N, C-alpha and C. Protein backbone atom coordinates (compact mmCIF):
# COMPACT_ATOMS: atom_id res chain seq x y z
N MET A 1 -2.88 7.58 4.90
CA MET A 1 -2.83 8.98 4.68
C MET A 1 -2.44 9.24 3.22
N ASN A 2 -3.01 10.26 2.57
CA ASN A 2 -2.70 10.60 1.22
C ASN A 2 -2.54 12.06 1.09
N ILE A 3 -1.45 12.54 0.46
CA ILE A 3 -1.21 13.96 0.22
C ILE A 3 -1.52 14.30 -1.16
N THR A 4 -2.33 15.39 -1.34
CA THR A 4 -2.65 15.82 -2.72
C THR A 4 -2.34 17.31 -2.77
N VAL A 5 -2.15 17.78 -3.97
CA VAL A 5 -1.87 19.22 -4.21
C VAL A 5 -2.77 19.73 -5.34
N ASP A 6 -3.41 20.83 -5.04
CA ASP A 6 -4.21 21.52 -6.08
C ASP A 6 -3.29 22.45 -6.85
N TYR A 7 -2.89 22.00 -8.06
CA TYR A 7 -1.89 22.76 -8.80
C TYR A 7 -2.46 24.05 -9.36
N ASP A 8 -3.75 24.23 -9.34
CA ASP A 8 -4.33 25.49 -9.75
C ASP A 8 -4.11 26.56 -8.65
N LEU A 9 -3.97 26.06 -7.44
CA LEU A 9 -3.68 26.96 -6.26
C LEU A 9 -2.21 27.17 -5.96
N CYS A 10 -1.39 26.17 -6.20
CA CYS A 10 -0.02 26.17 -5.86
C CYS A 10 0.73 27.31 -6.56
N GLU A 11 1.47 28.08 -5.77
CA GLU A 11 2.18 29.23 -6.26
C GLU A 11 3.75 29.02 -6.11
N GLY A 12 4.16 27.86 -5.64
CA GLY A 12 5.54 27.52 -5.49
C GLY A 12 6.33 28.26 -4.44
N HIS A 13 5.63 28.59 -3.35
CA HIS A 13 6.38 29.35 -2.29
C HIS A 13 7.44 28.43 -1.65
N GLY A 14 7.21 27.16 -1.59
CA GLY A 14 8.23 26.28 -1.00
C GLY A 14 8.21 26.10 0.51
N GLN A 15 7.18 26.66 1.14
CA GLN A 15 7.06 26.54 2.56
C GLN A 15 6.85 25.07 3.02
N CYS A 16 6.19 24.25 2.15
CA CYS A 16 6.00 22.88 2.47
C CYS A 16 7.34 22.13 2.44
N LEU A 17 8.19 22.48 1.51
CA LEU A 17 9.53 21.91 1.41
C LEU A 17 10.34 22.17 2.64
N MET A 18 10.24 23.35 3.17
CA MET A 18 10.97 23.70 4.41
C MET A 18 10.44 22.87 5.66
N ALA A 19 9.09 22.62 5.61
CA ALA A 19 8.51 21.92 6.76
C ALA A 19 8.76 20.43 6.65
N ALA A 20 8.78 19.89 5.43
CA ALA A 20 8.90 18.37 5.27
C ALA A 20 9.66 18.08 3.99
N PRO A 21 11.00 18.29 3.96
CA PRO A 21 11.80 18.12 2.76
C PRO A 21 11.78 16.70 2.24
N ASP A 22 11.49 15.70 3.05
CA ASP A 22 11.48 14.33 2.56
C ASP A 22 10.09 13.98 1.87
N LEU A 23 9.10 14.86 2.03
CA LEU A 23 7.76 14.66 1.42
C LEU A 23 7.52 15.55 0.23
N PHE A 24 8.20 16.69 0.11
CA PHE A 24 7.93 17.67 -0.91
C PHE A 24 9.26 18.19 -1.53
N ASP A 25 9.13 18.63 -2.80
CA ASP A 25 10.15 19.34 -3.49
C ASP A 25 9.50 20.32 -4.39
N VAL A 26 10.27 21.25 -5.02
CA VAL A 26 9.67 22.20 -5.93
C VAL A 26 10.33 21.90 -7.29
N SER A 27 9.47 21.77 -8.31
CA SER A 27 9.92 21.44 -9.66
C SER A 27 10.70 22.63 -10.27
N ASP A 28 11.84 22.32 -10.83
CA ASP A 28 12.59 23.33 -11.56
C ASP A 28 11.88 23.78 -12.80
N ASP A 29 11.11 22.88 -13.35
CA ASP A 29 10.41 23.15 -14.66
C ASP A 29 9.10 23.98 -14.44
N THR A 30 8.34 23.67 -13.46
CA THR A 30 7.07 24.33 -13.24
C THR A 30 7.09 25.35 -12.12
N GLY A 31 8.03 25.24 -11.23
CA GLY A 31 8.10 26.10 -10.00
C GLY A 31 6.98 25.71 -8.97
N LYS A 32 6.37 24.58 -9.22
CA LYS A 32 5.30 24.17 -8.32
C LYS A 32 5.74 23.00 -7.49
N VAL A 33 5.07 22.73 -6.38
CA VAL A 33 5.41 21.64 -5.47
C VAL A 33 5.30 20.29 -6.18
N VAL A 34 6.11 19.44 -5.78
CA VAL A 34 6.03 18.02 -6.22
C VAL A 34 5.96 17.14 -4.89
N VAL A 35 4.98 16.28 -4.83
CA VAL A 35 4.88 15.41 -3.75
C VAL A 35 5.81 14.20 -3.96
N LEU A 36 6.76 14.06 -3.07
CA LEU A 36 7.75 12.96 -3.28
C LEU A 36 7.22 11.64 -2.80
N ASN A 37 6.32 11.66 -1.85
CA ASN A 37 5.75 10.46 -1.26
C ASN A 37 4.27 10.76 -0.99
N ALA A 38 3.35 10.42 -1.89
CA ALA A 38 1.97 10.80 -1.71
C ALA A 38 1.22 9.95 -0.63
N GLU A 39 1.85 8.78 -0.27
CA GLU A 39 1.24 7.97 0.75
C GLU A 39 2.27 7.63 1.81
N PRO A 40 2.70 8.57 2.57
CA PRO A 40 3.73 8.31 3.60
C PRO A 40 3.20 7.55 4.79
N ALA A 41 4.09 7.10 5.60
CA ALA A 41 3.76 6.34 6.78
C ALA A 41 2.98 7.28 7.76
N GLU A 42 2.14 6.64 8.58
CA GLU A 42 1.33 7.47 9.55
C GLU A 42 2.27 8.25 10.46
N SER A 43 3.46 7.83 10.66
CA SER A 43 4.39 8.58 11.53
C SER A 43 4.78 9.91 10.96
N GLU A 44 4.47 10.11 9.69
CA GLU A 44 4.86 11.40 9.02
C GLU A 44 3.64 12.38 9.02
N ARG A 45 2.52 11.98 9.67
CA ARG A 45 1.33 12.82 9.61
C ARG A 45 1.56 14.23 10.19
N ASP A 46 2.22 14.31 11.31
CA ASP A 46 2.48 15.64 11.93
C ASP A 46 3.24 16.57 10.96
N ARG A 47 4.29 16.09 10.37
CA ARG A 47 5.07 16.90 9.45
C ARG A 47 4.28 17.26 8.20
N ALA A 48 3.55 16.29 7.69
CA ALA A 48 2.70 16.62 6.49
C ALA A 48 1.64 17.67 6.83
N THR A 49 1.04 17.55 8.00
CA THR A 49 0.06 18.51 8.48
C THR A 49 0.65 19.92 8.65
N ARG A 50 1.85 19.94 9.21
CA ARG A 50 2.54 21.17 9.32
C ARG A 50 2.88 21.84 8.01
N ALA A 51 3.29 20.97 7.08
CA ALA A 51 3.62 21.50 5.71
C ALA A 51 2.39 22.04 5.04
N ALA A 52 1.25 21.37 5.16
CA ALA A 52 0.03 21.82 4.58
C ALA A 52 -0.42 23.17 5.20
N ALA A 53 -0.25 23.25 6.49
CA ALA A 53 -0.65 24.48 7.23
C ALA A 53 0.25 25.68 6.83
N ALA A 54 1.51 25.35 6.47
CA ALA A 54 2.44 26.40 6.12
C ALA A 54 2.28 26.96 4.71
N CYS A 55 1.45 26.29 3.88
CA CYS A 55 1.24 26.65 2.52
C CYS A 55 0.41 27.92 2.49
N PRO A 56 0.97 29.04 1.96
CA PRO A 56 0.20 30.28 1.92
C PRO A 56 -1.00 30.22 0.96
N ALA A 57 -0.95 29.37 -0.01
CA ALA A 57 -2.01 29.21 -0.99
C ALA A 57 -3.04 28.15 -0.55
N GLN A 58 -2.73 27.42 0.50
CA GLN A 58 -3.58 26.34 0.99
C GLN A 58 -3.86 25.34 -0.08
N ALA A 59 -2.84 24.98 -0.84
CA ALA A 59 -2.95 24.05 -1.96
C ALA A 59 -2.77 22.57 -1.58
N ILE A 60 -2.30 22.28 -0.36
CA ILE A 60 -2.01 20.94 0.05
C ILE A 60 -3.11 20.39 0.91
N ARG A 61 -3.53 19.24 0.63
CA ARG A 61 -4.59 18.48 1.37
C ARG A 61 -4.03 17.18 1.87
N ILE A 62 -4.35 16.89 3.16
CA ILE A 62 -3.99 15.61 3.77
C ILE A 62 -5.28 14.84 3.95
N LEU A 63 -5.43 13.72 3.28
CA LEU A 63 -6.60 12.93 3.34
C LEU A 63 -6.32 11.65 4.11
N ASN A 64 -7.35 11.15 4.84
CA ASN A 64 -7.17 9.91 5.60
C ASN A 64 -7.14 8.76 4.74
């Protein structure tokens, strides 16, 4: 699994951070999401998927 973020869409709402704080953070410099682990274990798929679904801007993609 691979997590990507479209930074043109990201508005820094932080909903992904609340859903999966070990996978995401928000940069103090840009105010946009930072992926802490772009290739997490398969066991993290549910949390990553929930985080992507929580993004109001739909900026997060989970790829196989």
